[in-house]
C-alpha cells in the first residue's frame, strides 16, 4: 500500500489520533482546487519519527514520495521555487537529499 497524496494542513486534534496531526491523506484533490482546509481524508500524524494514518502506524517508505511532494508544494506556496538552495546551505543537507529536493521541485509543477 503506497500513499499517493498528502496535503499538509491544519487538522483539529483528536484524542484517538496519536501524536501531532500534520495533514490529510488520500482524497484531498478538491481541497487543493478550492484552497480550503479539507475536512475529509485520513489524518496523517507523527509521534516522534513514527507516522500514523488515522491512528495506525505506517512505515516511512509507504508515504515518503507523497510526503516529499507535499513538503515541496507547501514550501513553494510559502517561498516560491527559490527555497532549495538556501535550505541546503542552512541545514547542510547531504548531496543525496539535495538532488532529491531539486528533482522534486523541478517536477512539482506537473503534479
PDB file of N, CA and C in Angstrom:
ATOM      1  N   UNK A   1       0.839  -1.184   0.000  1.00  0.00           N
ATOM      2  CA  UNK A   1       0.000   0.000   0.000  1.00  0.00           C
ATOM      3  C   UNK A   1       0.881   1.242   0.000  1.00  0.00           C
ATOM      4  N   UNK A   2       0.921   1.963  -1.101  1.00  0.00           N
ATOM      5  CA  UNK A   2       1.629   3.240  -1.155  1.00  0.00           C
ATOM      6  C   UNK A   2       0.615   4.359  -1.059  1.00  0.00           C
ATOM      7  N   UNK A   3       0.996   5.405  -0.367  1.00  0.00           N
ATOM      8  CA  UNK A   3       0.136   6.573  -0.235  1.00  0.00           C
ATOM      9  C   UNK A   3       0.432   7.497  -1.396  1.00  0.00           C
ATOM     10  N   UNK A   4      -0.588   7.865  -2.135  1.00  0.00           N
ATOM     11  CA  UNK A   4      -0.425   8.658  -3.348  1.00  0.00           C
ATOM     12  C   UNK A   4      -0.413  10.161  -3.095  1.00  0.00           C
ATOM     13  N   UNK A   5      -1.218  10.632  -2.137  1.00  0.00           N
ATOM     14  CA  UNK A   5      -1.395  12.076  -1.993  1.00  0.00           C
ATOM     15  C   UNK A   5      -1.503  12.471  -0.526  1.00  0.00           C
ATOM     16  N   UNK A   6      -0.750  13.518  -0.181  1.00  0.00           N
ATOM     17  CA  UNK A   6      -0.775  14.083   1.168  1.00  0.00           C
ATOM     18  C   UNK A   6      -0.930  15.586   1.022  1.00  0.00           C
ATOM     19  N   UNK A   7      -1.742  16.179   1.870  1.00  0.00           N
ATOM     20  CA  UNK A   7      -1.857  17.629   1.929  1.00  0.00           C
ATOM     21  C   UNK A   7      -1.515  18.055   3.350  1.00  0.00           C
ATOM     22  N   UNK A   8      -0.434  18.812   3.507  1.00  0.00           N
ATOM     23  CA  UNK A   8      -0.070  19.330   4.820  1.00  0.00           C
ATOM     24  C   UNK A   8      -0.998  20.494   5.124  1.00  0.00           C
ATOM     25  N   UNK A   9      -1.736  20.389   6.214  1.00  0.00           N
ATOM     26  CA  UNK A   9      -2.734  21.403   6.551  1.00  0.00           C
ATOM     27  C   UNK A   9      -3.124  21.258   8.017  1.00  0.00           C
ATOM     28  N   UNK A  10      -3.760  22.283   8.559  1.00  0.00           N
ATOM     29  CA  UNK A  10      -4.223  22.183   9.950  1.00  0.00           C
ATOM     30  C   UNK A  10      -5.275  21.077  10.088  1.00  0.00           C
ATOM     31  N   UNK A  11      -5.169  20.331  11.150  1.00  0.00           N
ATOM     32  CA  UNK A  11      -6.139  19.275  11.459  1.00  0.00           C
ATOM     33  C   UNK A  11      -6.446  19.390  12.948  1.00  0.00           C
ATOM     34  N   UNK A  12      -7.718  19.437  13.304  1.00  0.00           N
ATOM     35  CA  UNK A  12      -8.054  19.508  14.737  1.00  0.00           C
ATOM     36  C   UNK A  12      -7.508  18.292  15.488  1.00  0.00           C
ATOM     37  N   UNK A  13      -7.011  18.535  16.666  1.00  0.00           N
ATOM     38  CA  UNK A  13      -6.507  17.420  17.465  1.00  0.00           C
ATOM     39  C   UNK A  13      -7.668  16.529  17.879  1.00  0.00           C
ATOM     40  N   UNK A  14      -7.360  15.244  17.963  1.00  0.00           N
ATOM     41  CA  UNK A  14      -8.356  14.234  18.302  1.00  0.00           C
ATOM     42  C   UNK A  14      -7.671  13.254  19.246  1.00  0.00           C
ATOM     43  N   UNK A  15      -8.234  13.008  20.409  1.00  0.00           N
ATOM     44  CA  UNK A  15      -7.581  12.108  21.363  1.00  0.00           C
ATOM     45  C   UNK A  15      -7.388  10.689  20.827  1.00  0.00           C
ATOM     46  N   UNK A  16      -8.123  10.326  19.783  1.00  0.00           N
ATOM     47  CA  UNK A  16      -7.964   8.981  19.205  1.00  0.00           C
ATOM     48  C   UNK A  16      -6.779   8.897  18.254  1.00  0.00           C
ATOM     49  N   UNK A  17      -6.222  10.052  17.860  1.00  0.00           N
ATOM     50  CA  UNK A  17      -5.109  10.100  16.915  1.00  0.00           C
ATOM     51  C   UNK A  17      -3.825  10.340  17.708  1.00  0.00           C
ATOM     52  N   UNK A  18      -2.852   9.418  17.624  1.00  0.00           N
ATOM     53  CA  UNK A  18      -1.602   9.617  18.366  1.00  0.00           C
ATOM     54  C   UNK A  18      -0.746  10.713  17.745  1.00  0.00           C
ATOM     55  N   UNK A  19       0.038  11.364  18.574  1.00  0.00           N
ATOM     56  CA  UNK A  19       0.988  12.349  18.081  1.00  0.00           C
ATOM     57  C   UNK A  19       0.351  13.657  17.657  1.00  0.00           C
ATOM     58  N   UNK A  20       1.048  14.340  16.764  1.00  0.00           N
ATOM     59  CA  UNK A  20       0.625  15.647  16.277  1.00  0.00           C
ATOM     60  C   UNK A  20       0.089  15.522  14.860  1.00  0.00           C
ATOM     61  N   UNK A  21      -1.166  15.895  14.626  1.00  0.00           N
ATOM     62  CA  UNK A  21      -1.713  15.840  13.265  1.00  0.00           C
ATOM     63  C   UNK A  21      -1.029  16.886  12.383  1.00  0.00           C
ATOM     64  N   UNK A  22      -0.632  16.477  11.172  1.00  0.00           N
ATOM     65  CA  UNK A  22       0.063  17.395  10.268  1.00  0.00           C
ATOM     66  C   UNK A  22      -0.638  17.563   8.926  1.00  0.00           C
ATOM     67  N   UNK A  23      -1.632  16.730   8.632  1.00  0.00           N
ATOM     68  CA  UNK A  23      -2.308  16.861   7.350  1.00  0.00           C
ATOM     69  C   UNK A  23      -3.284  15.737   7.084  1.00  0.00           C
ATOM     70  N   UNK A  24      -3.678  15.665   5.823  1.00  0.00           N
ATOM     71  CA  UNK A  24      -4.644  14.655   5.376  1.00  0.00           C
ATOM     72  C   UNK A  24      -4.034  13.800   4.275  1.00  0.00           C
ATOM     73  N   UNK A  25      -4.508  12.574   4.191  1.00  0.00           N
ATOM     74  CA  UNK A  25      -4.047  11.603   3.211  1.00  0.00           C
ATOM     75  C   UNK A  25      -5.219  11.176   2.352  1.00  0.00           C
ATOM     76  N   UNK A  26      -4.960  10.995   1.060  1.00  0.00           N
ATOM     77  CA  UNK A  26      -5.991  10.443   0.190  1.00  0.00           C
ATOM     78  C   UNK A  26      -6.742  11.494  -0.585  1.00  0.00           C
ATOM     79  N   UNK A  27      -8.037  11.513  -0.470  1.00  0.00           N
ATOM     80  CA  UNK A  27      -8.910  12.363  -1.289  1.00  0.00           C
ATOM     81  C   UNK A  27      -8.821  13.824  -0.886  1.00  0.00           C
ATOM     82  N   UNK A  28      -7.749  14.478  -1.292  1.00  0.00           N
ATOM     83  CA  UNK A  28      -7.579  15.883  -0.931  1.00  0.00           C
ATOM     84  C   UNK A  28      -7.553  16.785  -2.163  1.00  0.00           C
ATOM     85  N   UNK A  29      -7.801  16.231  -3.323  1.00  0.00           N
ATOM     86  CA  UNK A  29      -7.763  16.997  -4.570  1.00  0.00           C
ATOM     87  C   UNK A  29      -8.719  18.175  -4.584  1.00  0.00           C
ATOM     88  N   UNK A  30      -9.946  17.984  -4.117  1.00  0.00           N
ATOM     89  CA  UNK A  30     -10.927  19.065  -4.099  1.00  0.00           C
ATOM     90  C   UNK A  30     -10.464  20.196  -3.183  1.00  0.00           C
ATOM     91  N   UNK A  31      -9.878  19.839  -2.060  1.00  0.00           N
ATOM     92  CA  UNK A  31      -9.381  20.861  -1.139  1.00  0.00           C
ATOM     93  C   UNK A  31      -8.286  21.695  -1.802  1.00  0.00           C
ATOM     94  N   UNK A  32      -7.443  21.060  -2.607  1.00  0.00           N
ATOM     95  CA  UNK A  32      -6.397  21.802  -3.312  1.00  0.00           C
ATOM     96  C   UNK A  32      -7.016  22.772  -4.305  1.00  0.00           C
ATOM     97  N   UNK A  33      -8.046  22.330  -5.005  1.00  0.00           N
ATOM     98  CA  UNK A  33      -8.686  23.193  -6.003  1.00  0.00           C
ATOM     99  C   UNK A  33      -9.395  24.381  -5.374  1.00  0.00           C
ATOM    100  N   UNK A  34     -10.067  24.150  -4.269  1.00  0.00           N
ATOM    101  CA  UNK A  34     -10.831  25.216  -3.622  1.00  0.00           C
ATOM    102  C   UNK A  34      -9.990  26.024  -2.637  1.00  0.00           C
ATOM    103  N   UNK A  35      -8.776  25.541  -2.364  1.00  0.00           N
ATOM    104  CA  UNK A  35      -7.871  26.179  -1.393  1.00  0.00           C
ATOM    105  C   UNK A  35      -8.503  26.275  -0.013  1.00  0.00           C
ATOM    106  N   UNK A  36      -9.279  25.278   0.329  1.00  0.00           N
ATOM    107  CA  UNK A  36      -9.866  25.202   1.664  1.00  0.00           C
ATOM    108  C   UNK A  36      -9.246  24.040   2.415  1.00  0.00           C
ATOM    109  N   UNK A  37      -9.211  24.154   3.720  1.00  0.00           N
ATOM    110  CA  UNK A  37      -8.685  23.078   4.539  1.00  0.00           C
ATOM    111  C   UNK A  37      -9.648  21.899   4.452  1.00  0.00           C
ATOM    112  N   UNK A  38      -9.151  20.721   4.070  1.00  0.00           N
ATOM    113  CA  UNK A  38     -10.047  19.576   3.928  1.00  0.00           C
ATOM    114  C   UNK A  38     -10.548  19.080   5.275  1.00  0.00           C
ATOM    115  N   UNK A  39     -11.766  18.622   5.273  1.00  0.00           N
ATOM    116  CA  UNK A  39     -12.335  18.027   6.482  1.00  0.00           C
ATOM    117  C   UNK A  39     -12.508  16.531   6.314  1.00  0.00           C
ATOM    118  N   UNK A  40     -12.193  16.026   5.119  1.00  0.00           N
ATOM    119  CA  UNK A  40     -12.286  14.591   4.858  1.00  0.00           C
ATOM    120  C   UNK A  40     -10.910  14.063   4.500  1.00  0.00           C
ATOM    121  N   UNK A  41     -10.768  12.774   4.545  1.00  0.00           N
ATOM    122  CA  UNK A  41      -9.488  12.137   4.281  1.00  0.00           C
ATOM    123  C   UNK A  41      -8.883  11.673   5.584  1.00  0.00           C
ATOM    124  N   UNK A  42      -8.067  10.661   5.495  1.00  0.00           N
ATOM    125  CA  UNK A  42      -7.412  10.122   6.683  1.00  0.00           C
ATOM    126  C   UNK A  42      -6.441  11.152   7.256  1.00  0.00           C
ATOM    127  N   UNK A  43      -6.294  11.145   8.569  1.00  0.00           N
ATOM    128  CA  UNK A  43      -5.407  12.093   9.247  1.00  0.00           C
ATOM    129  C   UNK A  43      -3.995  11.511   9.296  1.00  0.00           C
ATOM    130  N   UNK A  44      -3.022  12.318   8.853  1.00  0.00           N
ATOM    131  CA  UNK A  44      -1.613  11.955   8.976  1.00  0.00           C
ATOM    132  C   UNK A  44      -1.073  12.639  10.227  1.00  0.00           C
ATOM    133  N   UNK A  45      -0.471  11.861  11.110  1.00  0.00           N
ATOM    134  CA  UNK A  45       0.096  12.426  12.328  1.00  0.00           C
ATOM    135  C   UNK A  45       1.468  11.805  12.577  1.00  0.00           C
ATOM    136  N   UNK A  46       2.236  12.489  13.407  1.00  0.00           N
ATOM    137  CA  UNK A  46       3.559  11.998  13.790  1.00  0.00           C
ATOM    138  C   UNK A  46       3.707  12.054  15.286  1.00  0.00           C
ATOM    139  N   UNK A  47       4.297  11.005  15.832  1.00  0.00           N
ATOM    140  CA  UNK A  47       4.710  10.976  17.226  1.00  0.00           C
ATOM    141  C   UNK A  47       6.187  10.610  17.184  1.00  0.00           C
ATOM    142  N   UNK A  48       7.024  11.615  17.401  1.00  0.00           N
ATOM    143  CA  UNK A  48       8.455  11.407  17.178  1.00  0.00           C
ATOM    144  C   UNK A  48       8.681  11.177  15.691  1.00  0.00           C
ATOM    145  N   UNK A  49       9.361  10.105  15.339  1.00  0.00           N
ATOM    146  CA  UNK A  49       9.633   9.790  13.929  1.00  0.00           C
ATOM    147  C   UNK A  49       8.616   8.804  13.354  1.00  0.00           C
ATOM    148  N   UNK A  50       7.667   8.365  14.169  1.00  0.00           N
ATOM    149  CA  UNK A  50       6.672   7.382  13.725  1.00  0.00           C
ATOM    150  C   UNK A  50       5.468   8.084  13.105  1.00  0.00           C
ATOM    151  N   UNK A  51       5.159   7.698  11.877  1.00  0.00           N
ATOM    152  CA  UNK A  51       3.983   8.243  11.189  1.00  0.00           C
ATOM    153  C   UNK A  51       2.768   7.369  11.487  1.00  0.00           C
ATOM    154  N   UNK A  52       1.607   8.005  11.527  1.00  0.00           N
ATOM    155  CA  UNK A  52       0.333   7.312  11.708  1.00  0.00           C
ATOM    156  C   UNK A  52      -0.661   7.846  10.683  1.00  0.00           C
ATOM    157  N   UNK A  53      -1.470   6.962  10.156  1.00  0.00           N
ATOM    158  CA  UNK A  53      -2.589   7.355   9.300  1.00  0.00           C
ATOM    159  C   UNK A  53      -3.849   6.858   9.987  1.00  0.00           C
ATOM    160  N   UNK A  54      -4.671   7.814  10.386  1.00  0.00           N
ATOM    161  CA  UNK A  54      -5.876   7.524  11.180  1.00  0.00           C
ATOM    162  C   UNK A  54      -5.565   6.631  12.380  1.00  0.00           C
ATOM    163  N   UNK A  55      -4.437   6.922  13.036  1.00  0.00           N
ATOM    164  CA  UNK A  55      -4.079   6.209  14.256  1.00  0.00           C
ATOM    165  C   UNK A  55      -3.344   4.904  14.060  1.00  0.00           C
ATOM    166  N   UNK A  56      -3.191   4.463  12.815  1.00  0.00           N
ATOM    167  CA  UNK A  56      -2.467   3.208  12.549  1.00  0.00           C
ATOM    168  C   UNK A  56      -1.031   3.514  12.148  1.00  0.00           C
ATOM    169  N   UNK A  57      -0.046   2.831  12.745  1.00  0.00           N
ATOM    170  CA  UNK A  57       1.351   3.079  12.385  1.00  0.00           C
ATOM    171  C   UNK A  57       1.601   2.756  10.908  1.00  0.00           C
ATOM    172  N   UNK A  58       2.415   3.583  10.265  1.00  0.00           N
ATOM    173  CA  UNK A  58       2.733   3.420   8.849  1.00  0.00           C
ATOM    174  C   UNK A  58       4.247   3.516   8.688  1.00  0.00           C
ATOM    175  N   UNK A  59       4.812   2.630   7.879  1.00  0.00           N
ATOM    176  CA  UNK A  59       6.240   2.690   7.578  1.00  0.00           C
ATOM    177  C   UNK A  59       6.531   3.916   6.725  1.00  0.00           C
ATOM    178  N   UNK A  60       7.690   4.525   6.942  1.00  0.00           N
ATOM    179  CA  UNK A  60       8.056   5.723   6.204  1.00  0.00           C
ATOM    180  C   UNK A  60       8.079   5.483   4.693  1.00  0.00           C
ATOM    181  N   UNK A  61       8.531   4.328   4.266  1.00  0.00           N
ATOM    182  CA  UNK A  61       8.637   4.030   2.828  1.00  0.00           C
ATOM    183  C   UNK A  61       7.287   4.135   2.128  1.00  0.00           C
ATOM    184  N   UNK A  62       6.216   3.872   2.843  1.00  0.00           N
ATOM    185  CA  UNK A  62       4.877   3.898   2.257  1.00  0.00           C
ATOM    186  C   UNK A  62       4.458   5.320   1.881  1.00  0.00           C
ATOM    187  N   UNK A  63       4.932   6.304   2.622  1.00  0.00           N
ATOM    188  CA  UNK A  63       4.491   7.670   2.369  1.00  0.00           C
ATOM    189  C   UNK A  63       5.608   8.619   1.966  1.00  0.00           C
ATOM    190  N   UNK A  64       6.824   8.144   1.824  1.00  0.00           N
ATOM    191  CA  UNK A  64       7.983   9.012   1.587  1.00  0.00           C
ATOM    192  C   UNK A  64       7.824   9.906   0.363  1.00  0.00           C
ATOM    193  N   UNK A  65       7.472   9.355  -0.783  1.00  0.00           N
ATOM    194  CA  UNK A  65       7.371  10.162  -2.003  1.00  0.00           C
ATOM    195  C   UNK A  65       6.226  11.171  -1.919  1.00  0.00           C
ATOM    196  N   UNK A  66       5.091  10.738  -1.413  1.00  0.00           N
ATOM    197  CA  UNK A  66       3.950  11.646  -1.283  1.00  0.00           C
ATOM    198  C   UNK A  66       4.258  12.753  -0.280  1.00  0.00           C
ATOM    199  N   UNK A  67       4.968  12.419   0.796  1.00  0.00           N
ATOM    200  CA  UNK A  67       5.324  13.423   1.796  1.00  0.00           C
ATOM    201  C   UNK A  67       6.312  14.429   1.214  1.00  0.00           C
ATOM    202  N   UNK A  68       7.269  13.964   0.434  1.00  0.00           N
ATOM    203  CA  UNK A  68       8.210  14.876  -0.212  1.00  0.00           C
ATOM    204  C   UNK A  68       7.469  15.835  -1.141  1.00  0.00           C
ATOM    205  N   UNK A  69       6.540  15.317  -1.940  1.00  0.00           N
ATOM    206  CA  UNK A  69       5.759  16.194  -2.830  1.00  0.00           C
ATOM    207  C   UNK A  69       4.957  17.213  -2.024  1.00  0.00           C
ATOM    208  N   UNK A  70       4.394  16.779  -0.887  1.00  0.00           N
ATOM    209  CA  UNK A  70       3.603  17.689  -0.047  1.00  0.00           C
ATOM    210  C   UNK A  70       4.477  18.781   0.560  1.00  0.00           C
ATOM    211  N   UNK A  71       5.669  18.429   1.008  1.00  0.00           N
ATOM    212  CA  UNK A  71       6.583  19.419   1.587  1.00  0.00           C
ATOM    213  C   UNK A  71       7.020  20.413   0.519  1.00  0.00           C
ATOM    214  N   UNK A  72       7.352  19.917  -0.663  1.00  0.00           N
ATOM    215  CA  UNK A  72       7.752  20.808  -1.763  1.00  0.00           C
ATOM    216  C   UNK A  72       6.608  21.742  -2.139  1.00  0.00           C
ATOM    217  N   UNK A  73       5.395  21.213  -2.230  1.00  0.00           N
ATOM    218  CA  UNK A  73       4.236  22.046  -2.577  1.00  0.00           C
ATOM    219  C   UNK A  73       4.007  23.122  -1.513  1.00  0.00           C
ATOM    220  N   UNK A  74       4.114  22.754  -0.240  1.00  0.00           N
ATOM    221  CA  UNK A  74       3.916  23.729   0.840  1.00  0.00           C
ATOM    222  C   UNK A  74       5.011  24.786   0.816  1.00  0.00           C
ATOM    223  N   UNK A  75       6.257  24.383   0.617  1.00  0.00           N
ATOM    224  CA  UNK A  75       7.365  25.342   0.569  1.00  0.00           C
ATOM    225  C   UNK A  75       7.231  26.268  -0.637  1.00  0.00           C
ATOM    226  N   UNK A  76       6.811  25.727  -1.774  1.00  0.00           N
ATOM    227  CA  UNK A  76       6.619  26.567  -2.963  1.00  0.00           C
ATOM    228  C   UNK A  76       5.520  27.606  -2.735  1.00  0.00           C
ATOM    229  N   UNK A  77       4.450  27.216  -2.025  1.00  0.00           N
ATOM    230  CA  UNK A  77       3.384  28.175  -1.729  1.00  0.00           C
ATOM    231  C   UNK A  77       3.891  29.305  -0.838  1.00  0.00           C
ATOM    232  N   UNK A  78       4.773  28.964   0.089  1.00  0.00           N
ATOM    233  CA  UNK A  78       5.287  29.975   1.022  1.00  0.00           C
ATOM    234  C   UNK A  78       6.372  30.856   0.418  1.00  0.00           C
ATOM    235  N   UNK A  79       7.346  30.229  -0.274  1.00  0.00           N
ATOM    236  CA  UNK A  79       8.544  30.965  -0.675  1.00  0.00           C
ATOM    237  C   UNK A  79       8.803  30.975  -2.176  1.00  0.00           C
ATOM    238  N   UNK A  80       7.893  30.472  -2.980  1.00  0.00           N
ATOM    239  CA  UNK A  80       8.183  30.356  -4.407  1.00  0.00           C
ATOM    240  C   UNK A  80       9.128  29.189  -4.650  1.00  0.00           C
ATOM    241  N   UNK A  81       9.702  29.123  -5.834  1.00  0.00           N
ATOM    242  CA  UNK A  81      10.525  27.953  -6.152  1.00  0.00           C
ATOM    243  C   UNK A  81      12.017  28.175  -5.910  1.00  0.00           C
ATOM    244  N   UNK A  82      12.385  29.219  -5.168  1.00  0.00           N
ATOM    245  CA  UNK A  82      13.806  29.510  -4.944  1.00  0.00           C
ATOM    246  C   UNK A  82      14.261  29.170  -3.525  1.00  0.00           C
ATOM    247  N   UNK A  83      13.613  28.251  -2.854  1.00  0.00           N
ATOM    248  CA  UNK A  83      13.917  27.959  -1.468  1.00  0.00           C
ATOM    249  C   UNK A  83      14.907  26.824  -1.264  1.00  0.00           C
ATOM    250  N   UNK A  84      15.166  26.001  -2.272  1.00  0.00           N
ATOM    251  CA  UNK A  84      16.004  24.814  -2.075  1.00  0.00           C
ATOM    252  C   UNK A  84      17.443  25.178  -1.720  1.00  0.00           C
ATOM    253  N   UNK A  85      18.075  26.052  -2.498  1.00  0.00           N
ATOM    254  CA  UNK A  85      19.483  26.381  -2.246  1.00  0.00           C
ATOM    255  C   UNK A  85      19.694  26.979  -0.846  1.00  0.00           C
ATOM    256  N   UNK A  86      18.875  27.959  -0.415  1.00  0.00           N
ATOM    257  CA  UNK A  86      19.067  28.472   0.950  1.00  0.00           C
ATOM    258  C   UNK A  86      18.838  27.394   2.018  1.00  0.00           C
ATOM    259  N   UNK A  87      17.863  26.526   1.816  1.00  0.00           N
ATOM    260  CA  UNK A  87      17.613  25.464   2.782  1.00  0.00           C
ATOM    261  C   UNK A  87      18.820  24.537   2.883  1.00  0.00           C
ATOM    262  N   UNK A  88      19.372  24.170   1.746  1.00  0.00           N
ATOM    263  CA  UNK A  88      20.537  23.293   1.725  1.00  0.00           C
ATOM    264  C   UNK A  88      21.715  23.972   2.429  1.00  0.00           C
ATOM    265  N   UNK A  89      21.926  25.255   2.161  1.00  0.00           N
ATOM    266  CA  UNK A  89      23.042  25.980   2.775  1.00  0.00           C
ATOM    267  C   UNK A  89      22.888  26.058   4.296  1.00  0.00           C
ATOM    268  N   UNK A  90      21.696  26.338   4.764  1.00  0.00           N
ATOM    269  CA  UNK A  90      21.469  26.497   6.201  1.00  0.00           C
ATOM    270  C   UNK A  90      21.535  25.168   6.936  1.00  0.00           C
ATOM    271  N   UNK A  91      20.951  24.139   6.369  1.00  0.00           N
ATOM    272  CA  UNK A  91      20.864  22.849   7.059  1.00  0.00           C
ATOM    273  C   UNK A  91      22.023  21.916   6.745  1.00  0.00           C
ATOM    274  N   UNK A  92      22.818  22.255   5.719  1.00  0.00           N
ATOM    275  CA  UNK A  92      23.930  21.409   5.285  1.00  0.00           C
ATOM    276  C   UNK A  92      23.453  20.007   4.920  1.00  0.00           C
ATOM    277  N   UNK A  93      22.333  19.969   4.237  1.00  0.00           N
ATOM    278  CA  UNK A  93      21.801  18.690   3.787  1.00  0.00           C
ATOM    279  C   UNK A  93      22.806  18.001   2.888  1.00  0.00           C
ATOM    280  N   UNK A  94      22.796  16.684   2.912  1.00  0.00           N
ATOM    281  CA  UNK A  94      23.715  15.919   2.094  1.00  0.00           C
ATOM    282  C   UNK A  94      23.381  16.005   0.606  1.00  0.00           C
ATOM    283  N   UNK A  95      24.327  15.561  -0.208  1.00  0.00           N
ATOM    284  CA  UNK A  95      24.179  15.602  -1.665  1.00  0.00           C
ATOM    285  C   UNK A  95      22.950  14.814  -2.122  1.00  0.00           C
ATOM    286  N   UNK A  96      22.696  13.652  -1.506  1.00  0.00           N
ATOM    287  CA  UNK A  96      21.562  12.811  -1.896  1.00  0.00           C
ATOM    288  C   UNK A  96      20.245  13.539  -1.664  1.00  0.00           C
ATOM    289  N   UNK A  97      20.107  14.190  -0.512  1.00  0.00           N
ATOM    290  CA  UNK A  97      18.884  14.919  -0.193  1.00  0.00           C
ATOM    291  C   UNK A  97      18.754  16.139  -1.104  1.00  0.00           C
ATOM    292  N   UNK A  98      19.873  16.803  -1.375  1.00  0.00           N
ATOM    293  CA  UNK A  98      19.857  17.967  -2.262  1.00  0.00           C
ATOM    294  C   UNK A  98      19.344  17.576  -3.644  1.00  0.00           C
ATOM    295  N   UNK A  99      19.821  16.477  -4.186  1.00  0.00           N
ATOM    296  CA  UNK A  99      19.385  16.018  -5.511  1.00  0.00           C
ATOM    297  C   UNK A  99      17.909  15.631  -5.486  1.00  0.00           C
ATOM    298  N   UNK A 100      17.484  14.968  -4.416  1.00  0.00           N
ATOM    299  CA  UNK A 100      16.092  14.557  -4.286  1.00  0.00           C
ATOM    300  C   UNK A 100      15.171  15.780  -4.239  1.00  0.00           C
ATOM    301  N   UNK A 101      15.557  16.790  -3.468  1.00  0.00           N
ATOM    302  CA  UNK A 101      14.751  18.021  -3.392  1.00  0.00           C
ATOM    303  C   UNK A 101      14.720  18.734  -4.738  1.00  0.00           C
ATOM    304  N   UNK A 102      15.869  18.835  -5.388  1.00  0.00           N
ATOM    305  CA  UNK A 102      15.918  19.512  -6.686  1.00  0.00           C
ATOM    306  C   UNK A 102      15.026  18.803  -7.701  1.00  0.00           C
ATOM    307  N   UNK A 103      15.057  17.476  -7.699  1.00  0.00           N
ATOM    308  CA  UNK A 103      14.206  16.712  -8.636  1.00  0.00           C
ATOM    309  C   UNK A 103      12.742  16.915  -8.292  1.00  0.00           C
ATOM    310  N   UNK A 104      12.405  16.914  -7.009  1.00  0.00           N
ATOM    311  CA  UNK A 104      11.016  17.092  -6.602  1.00  0.00           C
ATOM    312  C   UNK A 104      10.517  18.490  -6.965  1.00  0.00           C
ATOM    313  N   UNK A 105      11.354  19.496  -6.771  1.00  0.00           N
ATOM    314  CA  UNK A 105      10.955  20.872  -7.092  1.00  0.00           C
ATOM    315  C   UNK A 105      10.748  21.021  -8.593  1.00  0.00           C
ATOM    316  N   UNK A 106      11.661  20.471  -9.383  1.00  0.00           N
ATOM    317  CA  UNK A 106      11.531  20.620 -10.827  1.00  0.00           C
ATOM    318  C   UNK A 106      10.315  19.870 -11.370  1.00  0.00           C
ATOM    319  N   UNK A 107       9.885  18.823 -10.668  1.00  0.00           N
ATOM    320  CA  UNK A 107       8.711  18.064 -11.119  1.00  0.00           C
ATOM    321  C   UNK A 107       7.423  18.465 -10.448  1.00  0.00           C
ATOM    322  N   UNK A 108       7.483  19.418  -9.501  1.00  0.00           N
ATOM    323  CA  UNK A 108       6.277  19.754  -8.725  1.00  0.00           C
ATOM    324  C   UNK A 108       5.222  20.466  -9.553  1.00  0.00           C
ATOM    325  N   UNK A 109       5.614  21.137 -10.619  1.00  0.00           N
ATOM    326  CA  UNK A 109       4.624  21.835 -11.427  1.00  0.00           C
ATOM    327  C   UNK A 109       3.743  20.903 -12.220  1.00  0.00           C
ATOM    328  N   UNK A 110       4.204  19.662 -12.436  1.00  0.00           N
ATOM    329  CA  UNK A 110       3.422  18.730 -13.254  1.00  0.00           C
ATOM    330  C   UNK A 110       2.517  17.851 -12.424  1.00  0.00           C
ATOM    331  N   UNK A 111       2.513  18.016 -11.112  1.00  0.00           N
ATOM    332  CA  UNK A 111       1.687  17.181 -10.246  1.00  0.00           C
ATOM    333  C   UNK A 111       0.395  17.879  -9.920  1.00  0.00           C
TER     334      UNK A 111
END
